[in-house]
């Protein structure tokens, strides 16, 4: 695969998000045959489709581009951010469950290096990086990064949460990551790493920020524009009806999709159209599906199928596809993608035990 093709794959991951920047990425590919990328995740509960299917699509593209991928299981970060009520043992069980879910939904986990934050907490060199980052930034600058934890600058943050961005920034350099591949909500700390890296004798990581899928509910009218708005609209574990989870039943998927926000003829800020663009049509590209088929009675025009998202968008914006027909079709395709995951957790004893434990835990924000 030539350099331009590798760049194209990375740009697909950043579609709807941001790539900082293309020229640096090109130089990296010319310099390194196997650059390192990382994604970190707080084990914080059941995975929804943005964390399961979309993350799998993105990671597999990065692997296809010849990138060595490190998945950072941020157990200590979940602990600091009071996930699972601040119970570290529960957080680690959730981490195991999430890895099991990615295996079941097609992530090429054999090519991924899974690393746990707990394993570096006794490393003096790690803490030197953390303290150096803290020493070279104002408290206000670090507080502005609180968005990465799902918090805001006005929240009453604990001292641990204030230290959190310094640690996440240090992770990049400790993991020797040339590329950070996280959601747009993590942008502030990745930009911080680009600014502080050269000052501390490190490098400027390339930032590949993927789009964050909307939740199923109507967007809040008072949400600000840009990243803040996207963060306010994204799926949330703490609002179960805003998300479709990787273990939802077919009936549950249909129920949630039926009540999903899906304004007629409106393409932007329409979650069902987003799932079509970022999930279903990506699975058409990789050969999982042949087309996006919308089934409807002859009196309403009969069945209609689409091979590209642009064609669907054009038809929907003209009113040629009714929201209810779109939602019915979307429920069917999402169920097809989630079905192998459900079956894995039903048939595999270890996986079943993990899911039962995770379901019994109370999700805390």
Protein backbone atom coordinates (compact mmCIF):
# COMPACT_ATOMS: atom_id res chain seq x y z
CA UNK A 1 0.00 0.00 0.00
CA UNK A 2 1.46 3.37 -1.00
CA UNK A 3 1.60 6.38 1.30
CA UNK A 4 -1.36 8.17 -0.26
CA UNK A 5 -3.58 5.13 0.22
CA UNK A 6 -2.51 4.86 3.86
CA UNK A 7 -3.30 8.55 4.37
CA UNK A 8 -6.70 8.08 2.73
CA UNK A 9 -7.61 5.38 5.27
CA UNK A 10 -6.62 7.63 8.17
CA UNK A 11 -8.61 10.50 6.66
CA UNK A 12 -11.65 8.21 6.56
CA UNK A 13 -11.27 7.67 10.30
CA UNK A 14 -11.16 11.46 10.78
CA UNK A 15 -14.25 12.03 8.58
CA UNK A 16 -16.61 14.34 10.41
CA UNK A 17 -13.87 14.93 12.99
CA UNK A 18 -10.39 16.34 12.46
CA UNK A 19 -6.88 15.42 11.32
CA UNK A 20 -3.96 17.49 12.63
CA UNK A 21 -2.38 17.35 10.17
CA UNK A 22 -2.06 15.69 6.74
CA UNK A 23 1.46 16.88 5.90
CA UNK A 24 2.85 15.65 9.22
CA UNK A 25 1.10 12.32 8.70
CA UNK A 26 2.68 11.97 5.26
CA UNK A 27 6.15 12.66 6.68
CA UNK A 28 5.52 10.11 9.44
CA UNK A 29 4.58 7.38 6.94
CA UNK A 30 7.66 8.16 4.85
CA UNK A 31 9.86 8.01 7.96
CA UNK A 32 8.30 5.04 9.80
CA UNK A 33 6.99 1.84 8.29
CA UNK A 34 4.99 1.00 11.42
CA UNK A 35 4.07 4.17 13.35
CA UNK A 36 2.29 3.79 16.70
CA UNK A 37 -1.25 4.97 17.39
CA UNK A 38 -3.17 4.73 20.63
CA UNK A 39 -6.73 4.99 21.86
CA UNK A 40 -7.56 5.06 25.55
CA UNK A 41 -10.84 4.15 27.17
CA UNK A 42 -12.31 4.34 30.63
CA UNK A 43 -14.02 1.05 31.53
CA UNK A 44 -17.31 2.61 32.54
CA UNK A 45 -20.13 0.20 31.68
CA UNK A 46 -21.78 -1.62 28.79
CA UNK A 47 -20.58 -0.60 25.34
CA UNK A 48 -22.95 1.11 22.93
CA UNK A 49 -22.63 1.04 19.13
CA UNK A 50 -20.39 4.12 18.97
CA UNK A 51 -17.89 2.46 21.31
CA UNK A 52 -18.37 -1.02 19.84
CA UNK A 53 -19.12 -1.00 16.10
CA UNK A 54 -17.80 2.46 15.18
CA UNK A 55 -14.61 2.00 17.19
CA UNK A 56 -14.07 -1.37 15.51
CA UNK A 57 -14.48 0.18 12.05
CA UNK A 58 -11.97 2.93 12.88
CA UNK A 59 -9.36 0.73 14.54
CA UNK A 60 -9.46 -1.81 11.71
CA UNK A 61 -8.84 1.00 9.20
CA UNK A 62 -5.82 2.18 11.19
CA UNK A 63 -4.48 -1.38 11.24
CA UNK A 64 -5.07 -1.69 7.49
CA UNK A 65 -3.03 1.49 7.04
CA UNK A 66 -0.06 -0.34 8.57
CA UNK A 67 -0.21 1.32 11.97
CA UNK A 68 0.71 -0.48 15.19
CA UNK A 69 -2.24 0.12 17.50
CA UNK A 70 -2.08 0.30 21.29
CA UNK A 71 -5.36 0.16 23.22
CA UNK A 72 -4.93 1.79 26.61
CA UNK A 73 -7.25 0.33 29.24
CA UNK A 74 -7.50 3.37 31.49
CA UNK A 75 -8.62 1.69 34.71
CA UNK A 76 -6.97 4.24 36.99
CA UNK A 77 -8.58 7.05 35.00
CA UNK A 78 -12.02 5.51 35.48
CA UNK A 79 -11.24 5.26 39.19
CA UNK A 80 -10.20 8.93 39.36
CA UNK A 81 -13.33 9.92 37.44
CA UNK A 82 -15.60 7.99 39.84
CA UNK A 83 -16.78 5.42 37.29
CA UNK A 84 -18.49 2.35 38.78
CA UNK A 85 -18.77 4.31 42.02
CA UNK A 86 -14.96 4.51 42.19
CA UNK A 87 -14.63 0.72 42.66
CA UNK A 88 -11.36 -0.24 40.97
CA UNK A 89 -12.11 -3.98 40.97
CA UNK A 90 -15.40 -3.40 39.13
CA UNK A 91 -13.70 -1.07 36.68
CA UNK A 92 -11.22 -3.82 35.76
CA UNK A 93 -14.02 -6.34 35.22
CA UNK A 94 -15.64 -3.83 32.86
CA UNK A 95 -12.33 -3.49 31.01
CA UNK A 96 -12.21 -7.24 30.40
CA UNK A 97 -15.83 -7.19 29.22
CA UNK A 98 -15.13 -4.39 26.73
CA UNK A 99 -12.17 -6.24 25.22
CA UNK A 100 -14.37 -9.33 24.89
CA UNK A 101 -17.01 -7.24 23.10
CA UNK A 102 -14.53 -5.91 20.53
CA UNK A 103 -13.37 -9.43 19.77
CA UNK A 104 -16.96 -10.47 19.14
CA UNK A 105 -17.81 -7.56 16.84
CA UNK A 106 -14.88 -8.04 14.48
CA UNK A 107 -12.04 -5.88 15.77
CA UNK A 108 -8.74 -7.45 14.72
CA UNK A 109 -7.62 -7.79 18.34
CA UNK A 110 -4.77 -10.18 17.46
CA UNK A 111 -2.95 -7.22 15.93
CA UNK A 112 -3.63 -4.85 18.84
CA UNK A 113 -1.49 -4.36 21.92
CA UNK A 114 -3.77 -4.07 24.96
CA UNK A 115 -2.11 -2.24 27.85
CA UNK A 116 -3.48 -1.46 31.31
CA UNK A 117 -2.84 1.82 33.10
CA UNK A 118 -2.39 -0.08 36.37
CA UNK A 119 0.82 -1.62 35.01
CA UNK A 120 2.68 1.71 34.74
CA UNK A 121 1.62 3.26 38.02
CA UNK A 122 4.82 2.09 39.74
CA UNK A 123 7.03 3.52 36.99
CA UNK A 124 8.97 6.61 38.11
CA UNK A 125 9.51 7.70 34.51
CA UNK A 126 5.76 7.85 33.94
CA UNK A 127 5.23 10.11 36.95
CA UNK A 128 8.13 12.36 35.91
CA UNK A 129 6.29 12.98 32.64
CA UNK A 130 3.04 13.71 34.49
CA UNK A 131 4.67 16.17 36.90
CA UNK A 132 6.59 17.90 34.13
CA UNK A 133 3.38 18.46 32.20
CA UNK A 134 1.72 19.80 35.36
CA UNK A 135 4.68 22.09 36.07
CA UNK A 136 4.53 23.61 32.61
CA UNK A 137 0.82 24.40 32.51
CA UNK A 138 -1.46 26.71 34.45
CA UNK A 139 -4.30 25.34 36.53
CA UNK A 140 -6.79 27.17 34.29
CA UNK A 141 -5.38 25.48 31.18
CA UNK A 142 -5.73 22.04 32.77
CA UNK A 143 -9.29 22.77 33.95
CA UNK A 144 -10.19 23.72 30.36
CA UNK A 145 -9.31 20.12 29.43
CA UNK A 146 -11.96 18.73 31.81
CA UNK A 147 -14.18 18.05 28.78
CA UNK A 148 -12.13 14.89 28.15
CA UNK A 149 -13.69 13.36 31.29
CA UNK A 150 -17.24 14.27 30.31
CA UNK A 151 -17.06 17.23 32.70
CA UNK A 152 -17.25 20.99 32.21
CA UNK A 153 -15.13 23.85 33.51
CA UNK A 154 -17.95 24.82 35.86
CA UNK A 155 -18.23 21.37 37.49
CA UNK A 156 -17.01 20.94 41.06
CA UNK A 157 -13.95 18.87 40.17
CA UNK A 158 -12.05 16.73 42.66
CA UNK A 159 -8.29 17.13 42.92
CA UNK A 160 -7.92 13.73 41.20
CA UNK A 161 -9.97 14.96 38.23
CA UNK A 162 -7.80 18.05 37.91
CA UNK A 163 -4.71 15.80 37.69
CA UNK A 164 -6.38 13.54 35.12
CA UNK A 165 -5.54 15.64 31.97
CA UNK A 166 -1.86 15.76 32.95
CA UNK A 167 -1.82 11.96 33.13
CA UNK A 168 -3.67 11.51 29.84
CA UNK A 169 -1.21 13.85 28.16
CA UNK A 170 1.69 11.87 29.66
CA UNK A 171 0.17 8.61 28.36
CA UNK A 172 0.87 9.70 24.78
CA UNK A 173 4.59 10.06 25.38
CA UNK A 174 4.89 7.09 27.72
CA UNK A 175 3.26 4.84 25.12
CA UNK A 176 5.51 6.34 22.41
CA UNK A 177 2.41 7.14 20.37
CA UNK A 178 3.05 8.98 17.12
CA UNK A 179 -0.71 9.28 16.59
CA UNK A 180 -3.60 9.83 19.00
CA UNK A 181 -6.83 8.30 17.69
CA UNK A 182 -9.69 9.34 19.96
CA UNK A 183 -13.02 11.16 19.73
CA UNK A 184 -13.46 14.88 19.12
CA UNK A 185 -14.29 15.26 22.82
CA UNK A 186 -10.64 14.42 23.59
CA UNK A 187 -9.27 17.12 21.28
CA UNK A 188 -8.19 19.60 23.98
CA UNK A 189 -5.73 17.28 25.70
CA UNK A 190 -4.33 16.06 22.36
CA UNK A 191 -3.69 19.67 21.29
CA UNK A 192 -2.08 20.23 24.70
CA UNK A 193 0.24 17.30 23.96
CA UNK A 194 1.23 18.86 20.61
CA UNK A 195 2.08 22.13 22.36
CA UNK A 196 3.93 20.72 25.36
CA UNK A 197 5.70 17.78 23.67
CA UNK A 198 8.59 19.67 22.01
CA UNK A 199 9.10 21.80 25.14
CA UNK A 200 9.73 18.64 27.17
CA UNK A 201 11.97 16.98 24.58
CA UNK A 202 9.25 14.83 23.02
CA UNK A 203 7.37 15.18 19.72
CA UNK A 204 4.15 16.64 18.36
CA UNK A 205 1.69 13.75 18.08
CA UNK A 206 -0.58 13.67 15.05
CA UNK A 207 -4.18 13.98 16.15
CA UNK A 208 -6.83 11.84 14.46
CA UNK A 209 -10.16 12.76 16.04
CA UNK A 210 -13.15 10.70 14.96
CA UNK A 211 -16.74 11.91 14.79
CA UNK A 212 -18.92 11.20 17.83
CA UNK A 213 -22.21 9.52 17.01
CA UNK A 214 -25.34 11.30 18.17
CA UNK A 215 -27.62 9.84 20.78
CA UNK A 216 -31.17 8.92 19.81
CA UNK A 217 -32.79 11.89 21.53
CA UNK A 218 -33.53 15.34 20.12
CA UNK A 219 -30.47 17.60 20.46
CA UNK A 220 -30.60 20.10 23.35
CA UNK A 221 -31.66 23.49 22.03
CA UNK A 222 -29.32 25.41 24.34
CA UNK A 223 -26.14 23.46 23.50
CA UNK A 224 -23.25 25.54 22.16
CA UNK A 225 -21.82 25.07 18.69
CA UNK A 226 -18.77 22.96 17.79
CA UNK A 227 -17.21 20.28 19.98
CA UNK A 228 -19.28 21.31 23.01
CA UNK A 229 -22.51 20.73 21.07
CA UNK A 230 -21.32 17.40 19.66
CA UNK A 231 -20.36 16.29 23.18
CA UNK A 232 -23.79 17.27 24.53
CA UNK A 233 -25.51 15.29 21.76
CA UNK A 234 -23.47 12.08 21.89
CA UNK A 235 -24.70 8.73 23.19
CA UNK A 236 -24.57 8.32 26.94
CA UNK A 237 -24.54 5.23 29.16
CA UNK A 238 -26.20 7.26 31.90
CA UNK A 239 -29.20 7.76 29.55
CA UNK A 240 -29.92 4.20 28.35
CA UNK A 241 -32.64 5.24 25.89
CA UNK A 242 -30.19 7.57 24.12
CA UNK A 243 -27.99 4.64 23.09
CA UNK A 244 -28.16 1.25 21.44
CA UNK A 245 -25.97 -1.15 23.39
CA UNK A 246 -23.96 -4.05 22.04
CA UNK A 247 -26.05 -6.53 24.02
CA UNK A 248 -29.50 -5.04 23.30
CA UNK A 249 -32.12 -7.53 22.13
CA UNK A 250 -33.75 -7.24 18.71
CA UNK A 251 -36.95 -6.03 20.40
CA UNK A 252 -35.03 -3.39 22.37
CA UNK A 253 -33.29 -2.11 19.23
CA UNK A 254 -36.63 -1.82 17.43
CA UNK A 255 -38.21 -0.03 20.41
CA UNK A 256 -35.42 2.51 20.73
CA UNK A 257 -35.21 3.13 17.01
CA UNK A 258 -38.98 3.60 16.69
CA UNK A 259 -38.89 6.50 19.17
CA UNK A 260 -35.60 7.95 17.86
CA UNK A 261 -35.40 11.57 16.81
CA UNK A 262 -35.56 11.56 13.01
CA UNK A 263 -37.07 14.74 11.52
CA UNK A 264 -38.50 14.42 8.02
CA UNK A 265 -36.21 15.63 5.19
CA UNK A 266 -33.58 16.77 7.74
CA UNK A 267 -30.14 15.22 7.21
CA UNK A 268 -27.99 17.20 9.65
CA UNK A 269 -28.29 16.42 13.37
CA UNK A 270 -30.36 13.37 12.56
CA UNK A 271 -29.05 10.33 14.49
CA UNK A 272 -30.59 7.73 12.19
CA UNK A 273 -28.92 9.30 9.14
CA UNK A 274 -25.65 9.40 11.09
CA UNK A 275 -25.84 5.67 11.81
CA UNK A 276 -26.43 5.11 8.11
CA UNK A 277 -23.38 7.16 7.12
CA UNK A 278 -20.89 6.08 9.76
CA UNK A 279 -21.94 2.47 10.33
CA UNK A 280 -24.18 0.84 7.71
CA UNK A 281 -22.54 2.30 4.61
CA UNK A 282 -19.09 1.58 6.08
CA UNK A 283 -20.19 -2.05 6.38
CA UNK A 284 -21.34 -1.92 2.75
CA UNK A 285 -17.84 -0.71 1.78
CA UNK A 286 -16.17 -3.63 3.57
CA UNK A 287 -18.56 -6.17 2.03
CA UNK A 288 -20.57 -7.05 5.15
CA UNK A 289 -23.75 -5.80 3.44
CA UNK A 290 -24.52 -5.52 -0.29
CA UNK A 291 -26.88 -2.57 0.00
CA UNK A 292 -29.12 -0.59 2.32
CA UNK A 293 -32.59 -1.92 1.56
CA UNK A 294 -35.68 -0.10 2.77
CA UNK A 295 -38.73 -2.32 2.59
CA UNK A 296 -42.14 -0.72 2.20
CA UNK A 297 -45.56 -1.56 0.69
CA UNK A 298 -46.19 -0.99 -3.02
CA UNK A 299 -48.72 1.74 -2.22
CA UNK A 300 -45.87 3.73 -0.64
CA UNK A 301 -43.52 3.18 -3.59
CA UNK A 302 -42.30 -0.35 -2.92
CA UNK A 303 -38.83 -1.39 -1.81
CA UNK A 304 -35.94 0.96 -2.47
CA UNK A 305 -32.23 0.24 -2.06
CA UNK A 306 -29.08 2.37 -1.85
CA UNK A 307 -25.44 1.53 -2.54
CA UNK A 308 -24.00 4.87 -1.37
CA UNK A 309 -24.77 7.23 1.48
CA UNK A 310 -24.94 10.20 -0.89
CA UNK A 311 -27.85 8.58 -2.74
CA UNK A 312 -29.71 7.96 0.53
CA UNK A 313 -29.06 11.51 1.70
CA UNK A 314 -30.36 12.92 -1.57
CA UNK A 315 -33.54 10.80 -1.45
CA UNK A 316 -34.21 11.50 2.23
CA UNK A 317 -33.75 15.28 1.88
CA UNK A 318 -36.34 15.27 -0.93
CA UNK A 319 -38.86 13.36 1.18
CA UNK A 320 -38.62 10.22 -0.96
CA UNK A 321 -37.88 8.15 2.16
CA UNK A 322 -40.18 8.41 5.16
CA UNK A 323 -38.59 8.59 8.65
CA UNK A 324 -40.50 5.52 9.86
CA UNK A 325 -39.29 3.43 6.91
CA UNK A 326 -35.73 4.64 7.49
CA UNK A 327 -35.89 3.77 11.20
CA UNK A 328 -37.36 0.33 10.52
CA UNK A 329 -34.56 -0.48 8.09
CA UNK A 330 -31.90 0.90 10.44
CA UNK A 331 -33.13 -1.31 13.30
CA UNK A 332 -32.80 -4.35 11.03
CA UNK A 333 -29.21 -3.58 9.98
CA UNK A 334 -28.02 -2.67 13.46
CA UNK A 335 -29.51 -5.89 14.80
CA UNK A 336 -27.58 -7.86 12.16
CA UNK A 337 -24.33 -6.28 13.39
CA UNK A 338 -25.12 -6.77 17.08
CA UNK A 339 -26.45 -10.33 16.74
CA UNK A 340 -22.99 -12.05 16.68
CA UNK A 341 -22.04 -10.15 19.83
CA UNK A 342 -25.22 -11.24 21.64
CA UNK A 343 -24.63 -14.83 20.59
CA UNK A 344 -21.02 -14.73 21.80
CA UNK A 345 -22.10 -13.54 25.24
CA UNK A 346 -24.82 -16.19 25.36
CA UNK A 347 -22.62 -19.14 24.36
CA UNK A 348 -19.17 -18.33 25.78
CA UNK A 349 -19.06 -19.05 29.53
CA UNK A 350 -16.38 -16.48 30.40
CA UNK A 351 -18.03 -13.78 28.31
CA UNK A 352 -21.45 -14.53 29.82
CA UNK A 353 -20.11 -14.20 33.37
CA UNK A 354 -18.43 -10.88 32.52
CA UNK A 355 -21.62 -9.44 31.04
CA UNK A 356 -23.72 -10.57 33.99
CA UNK A 357 -21.33 -8.81 36.37
CA UNK A 358 -21.29 -5.61 34.30
CA UNK A 359 -25.09 -5.55 34.05
CA UNK A 360 -25.30 -5.81 37.83
CA UNK A 361 -23.11 -2.72 38.34
CA UNK A 362 -24.61 0.71 38.70
CA UNK A 363 -23.32 3.19 36.13
CA UNK A 364 -22.07 6.41 37.71
CA UNK A 365 -21.24 9.60 35.85
